[in-house]
Amino acid sequence: MKVIDLLNKVANGEEVPNMVLPKWFMTNMYLHYDKETKDYYNEEETYELFGNICLFLNDEVEIIEDKKIEKIKVEIENERTGNCYIKNEYGRNCYLTRHSKIIIDKLNEIIDCINKEK
C-alpha cells in the first residue's frame, strides 16, 4: 500500500492497520497507529510517518497483520481415565503426562493473555 492511500483512509475515517513497516528504511522500523494524533509512530516516538509526508507519498508501506496465536488443542481420549493427547504434525496422537497437560494449560492461559493485548 502506498503512503498516500494510507493517508486517504485516515482522512476519510476508514479503518486503518494498527502497524505498518515502511519499505524505504534500511532497518525494520515498525510504526504503530495513534488514534488521537492520527499518525504512525515508532516505539520511541521519534519518527512520525505523516510528518515526513512531502518525501514519501508514493512510497510503499507493508501492512503488518495482528494475527492471533492459536491455542494448543488438547483432546481427551477417555473421560473415565482422563487420558489426553495432542495431534502432532503428521496427525498422530501424542499422549500427555499429567505434567505435560499442566504445562499446556498454562501455555494456553498465556496465549489468551497475549491475544487480549493484541
C-alpha atoms as a PDB file:
ATOM      1  CA  MET A   1       0.000   0.000   0.000  1.00  0.00           C
ATOM      2  CA  LYS A   2       1.262   3.499  -0.767  1.00  0.00           C
ATOM      3  CA  VAL A   3       1.526   6.180   1.916  1.00  0.00           C
ATOM      4  CA  ILE A   4      -0.962   8.364   0.008  1.00  0.00           C
ATOM      5  CA  ASP A   5      -3.543   5.546   0.128  1.00  0.00           C
ATOM      6  CA  LEU A   6      -2.998   5.140   3.852  1.00  0.00           C
ATOM      7  CA  LEU A   7      -3.357   8.884   4.345  1.00  0.00           C
ATOM      8  CA  ASN A   8      -6.632   8.852   2.392  1.00  0.00           C
ATOM      9  CA  LYS A   9      -8.003   6.129   4.664  1.00  0.00           C
ATOM     10  CA  VAL A  10      -7.147   8.222   7.737  1.00  0.00           C
ATOM     11  CA  ALA A  11      -8.686  11.353   6.185  1.00  0.00           C
ATOM     12  CA  ASN A  12     -11.891   9.502   5.278  1.00  0.00           C
ATOM     13  CA  GLY A  13     -12.223   7.974   8.744  1.00  0.00           C
ATOM     14  CA  GLU A  14     -11.831   4.434   7.419  1.00  0.00           C
ATOM     15  CA  GLU A  15     -10.297   1.613   9.405  1.00  0.00           C
ATOM     16  CA  VAL A  16      -6.512   1.591   9.107  1.00  0.00           C
ATOM     17  CA  PRO A  17      -3.969  -1.091  10.021  1.00  0.00           C
ATOM     18  CA  ASN A  18      -2.533  -0.903  13.524  1.00  0.00           C
ATOM     19  CA  MET A  19       1.041  -1.445  12.385  1.00  0.00           C
ATOM     20  CA  VAL A  20       2.987  -0.745   9.187  1.00  0.00           C
ATOM     21  CA  LEU A  21       6.557  -1.203   8.014  1.00  0.00           C
ATOM     22  CA  PRO A  22       7.898   1.497   5.657  1.00  0.00           C
ATOM     23  CA  LYS A  23       9.847  -0.165   2.847  1.00  0.00           C
ATOM     24  CA  TRP A  24      12.313   2.706   2.346  1.00  0.00           C
ATOM     25  CA  PHE A  25      14.031   2.215   5.728  1.00  0.00           C
ATOM     26  CA  MET A  26      17.306   0.315   5.862  1.00  0.00           C
ATOM     27  CA  THR A  27      16.247  -1.326   9.127  1.00  0.00           C
ATOM     28  CA  ASN A  28      12.925  -2.764  10.213  1.00  0.00           C
ATOM     29  CA  MET A  29      11.199   0.118  11.980  1.00  0.00           C
ATOM     30  CA  TYR A  30       7.635  -0.848  12.775  1.00  0.00           C
ATOM     31  CA  LEU A  31       5.257   2.062  13.136  1.00  0.00           C
ATOM     32  CA  HIS A  32       2.159   1.889  15.362  1.00  0.00           C
ATOM     33  CA  TYR A  33      -1.010   3.908  14.746  1.00  0.00           C
ATOM     34  CA  ASP A  34      -2.071   6.501  17.331  1.00  0.00           C
ATOM     35  CA  LYS A  35      -5.819   7.206  17.156  1.00  0.00           C
ATOM     36  CA  GLU A  36      -5.547  10.574  18.911  1.00  0.00           C
ATOM     37  CA  THR A  37      -2.974  12.165  16.601  1.00  0.00           C
ATOM     38  CA  LYS A  38      -3.997  10.064  13.564  1.00  0.00           C
ATOM     39  CA  ASP A  39      -0.388   9.278  12.726  1.00  0.00           C
ATOM     40  CA  TYR A  40       2.051   6.359  12.886  1.00  0.00           C
ATOM     41  CA  TYR A  41       4.999   6.434  15.307  1.00  0.00           C
ATOM     42  CA  ASN A  42       7.926   4.204  16.162  1.00  0.00           C
ATOM     43  CA  GLU A  43       8.220   2.918  19.748  1.00  0.00           C
ATOM     44  CA  GLU A  44      10.405   5.825  20.904  1.00  0.00           C
ATOM     45  CA  GLU A  45       8.003   8.279  19.209  1.00  0.00           C
ATOM     46  CA  THR A  46      10.958   9.938  17.476  1.00  0.00           C
ATOM     47  CA  TYR A  47       9.605   9.281  13.991  1.00  0.00           C
ATOM     48  CA  GLU A  48       6.152  10.027  12.596  1.00  0.00           C
ATOM     49  CA  LEU A  49       5.034   8.738   9.223  1.00  0.00           C
ATOM     50  CA  PHE A  50       2.841  11.604   8.061  1.00  0.00           C
ATOM     51  CA  GLY A  51       5.240  14.229   9.432  1.00  0.00           C
ATOM     52  CA  ASN A  52       7.602  13.320   6.581  1.00  0.00           C
ATOM     53  CA  ILE A  53       4.808  13.302   4.031  1.00  0.00           C
ATOM     54  CA  CYS A  54       6.381  15.505   1.386  1.00  0.00           C
ATOM     55  CA  LEU A  55       9.098  12.948   0.705  1.00  0.00           C
ATOM     56  CA  PHE A  56       7.226   9.666   0.861  1.00  0.00           C
ATOM     57  CA  LEU A  57       3.694   9.968  -0.610  1.00  0.00           C
ATOM     58  CA  ASN A  58       4.333   7.435  -3.389  1.00  0.00           C
ATOM     59  CA  ASP A  59       6.492   5.091  -1.315  1.00  0.00           C
ATOM     60  CA  GLU A  60       5.199   1.736  -0.147  1.00  0.00           C
ATOM     61  CA  VAL A  61       4.434   0.556   3.371  1.00  0.00           C
ATOM     62  CA  GLU A  62       3.896  -3.066   4.287  1.00  0.00           C
ATOM     63  CA  ILE A  63       0.834  -3.767   6.422  1.00  0.00           C
ATOM     64  CA  ILE A  64       1.644  -5.947   9.422  1.00  0.00           C
ATOM     65  CA  GLU A  65      -1.278  -8.148  10.421  1.00  0.00           C
ATOM     66  CA  ASP A  66      -2.216  -8.607  14.052  1.00  0.00           C
ATOM     67  CA  LYS A  67      -2.592 -12.374  13.987  1.00  0.00           C
ATOM     68  CA  LYS A  68      -3.987 -14.262  16.920  1.00  0.00           C
ATOM     69  CA  ILE A  69      -1.880 -17.077  18.348  1.00  0.00           C
ATOM     70  CA  GLU A  70      -3.637 -20.421  18.215  1.00  0.00           C
ATOM     71  CA  LYS A  71      -4.098 -22.272  21.464  1.00  0.00           C
ATOM     72  CA  ILE A  72      -2.837 -25.831  21.823  1.00  0.00           C
ATOM     73  CA  LYS A  73      -5.786 -28.146  21.374  1.00  0.00           C
ATOM     74  CA  VAL A  74      -5.840 -30.923  23.949  1.00  0.00           C
ATOM     75  CA  GLU A  75      -8.202 -33.786  23.258  1.00  0.00           C
ATOM     76  CA  ILE A  76      -9.465 -36.215  25.866  1.00  0.00           C
ATOM     77  CA  GLU A  77      -9.363 -39.853  24.820  1.00  0.00           C
ATOM     78  CA  ASN A  78     -11.192 -41.296  27.787  1.00  0.00           C
ATOM     79  CA  GLU A  79     -13.334 -39.322  30.245  1.00  0.00           C
ATOM     80  CA  ARG A  80     -13.043 -42.014  32.900  1.00  0.00           C
ATOM     81  CA  THR A  81      -9.236 -42.200  32.913  1.00  0.00           C
ATOM     82  CA  GLY A  82      -8.586 -38.600  31.870  1.00  0.00           C
ATOM     83  CA  ASN A  83      -6.017 -39.642  29.227  1.00  0.00           C
ATOM     84  CA  CYS A  84      -5.259 -36.662  26.987  1.00  0.00           C
ATOM     85  CA  TYR A  85      -3.390 -36.212  23.741  1.00  0.00           C
ATOM     86  CA  ILE A  86      -2.486 -33.635  21.133  1.00  0.00           C
ATOM     87  CA  LYS A  87      -2.040 -34.213  17.402  1.00  0.00           C
ATOM     88  CA  ASN A  88       1.488 -33.991  16.002  1.00  0.00           C
ATOM     89  CA  GLU A  89       2.351 -32.575  12.574  1.00  0.00           C
ATOM     90  CA  TYR A  90       1.503 -35.939  10.967  1.00  0.00           C
ATOM     91  CA  GLY A  91      -1.936 -36.148  12.584  1.00  0.00           C
ATOM     92  CA  ARG A  92      -0.952 -38.862  15.041  1.00  0.00           C
ATOM     93  CA  ASN A  93      -1.976 -38.822  18.684  1.00  0.00           C
ATOM     94  CA  CYS A  94       0.750 -37.860  21.153  1.00  0.00           C
ATOM     95  CA  TYR A  95      -0.278 -38.760  24.680  1.00  0.00           C
ATOM     96  CA  LEU A  96       0.394 -36.339  27.509  1.00  0.00           C
ATOM     97  CA  THR A  97       1.622 -36.950  31.003  1.00  0.00           C
ATOM     98  CA  ARG A  98      -0.143 -35.081  33.806  1.00  0.00           C
ATOM     99  CA  HIS A  99       2.767 -32.650  33.973  1.00  0.00           C
ATOM    100  CA  SER A 100       2.648 -32.019  30.221  1.00  0.00           C
ATOM    101  CA  LYS A 101      -1.078 -31.322  30.463  1.00  0.00           C
ATOM    102  CA  ILE A 102      -0.468 -28.785  33.250  1.00  0.00           C
ATOM    103  CA  ILE A 103       2.197 -27.044  31.155  1.00  0.00           C
ATOM    104  CA  ILE A 104      -0.070 -26.914  28.088  1.00  0.00           C
ATOM    105  CA  ASP A 105      -2.913 -25.477  30.194  1.00  0.00           C
ATOM    106  CA  LYS A 106      -0.584 -22.723  31.457  1.00  0.00           C
ATOM    107  CA  LEU A 107       0.667 -22.034  27.912  1.00  0.00           C
ATOM    108  CA  ASN A 108      -2.930 -21.665  26.739  1.00  0.00           C
ATOM    109  CA  GLU A 109      -3.553 -19.145  29.537  1.00  0.00           C
ATOM    110  CA  ILE A 110      -0.509 -17.156  28.383  1.00  0.00           C
ATOM    111  CA  ILE A 111      -1.743 -17.305  24.773  1.00  0.00           C
ATOM    112  CA  ASP A 112      -5.124 -15.931  25.913  1.00  0.00           C
ATOM    113  CA  CYS A 113      -3.387 -13.006  27.652  1.00  0.00           C
ATOM    114  CA  ILE A 114      -1.259 -12.230  24.594  1.00  0.00           C
ATOM    115  CA  ASN A 115      -4.261 -12.374  22.263  1.00  0.00           C
ATOM    116  CA  LYS A 116      -6.194  -9.967  24.518  1.00  0.00           C
ATOM    117  CA  GLU A 117      -3.316  -7.480  24.313  1.00  0.00           C
ATOM    118  CA  LYS A 118      -3.363  -7.581  20.521  1.00  0.00           C
END
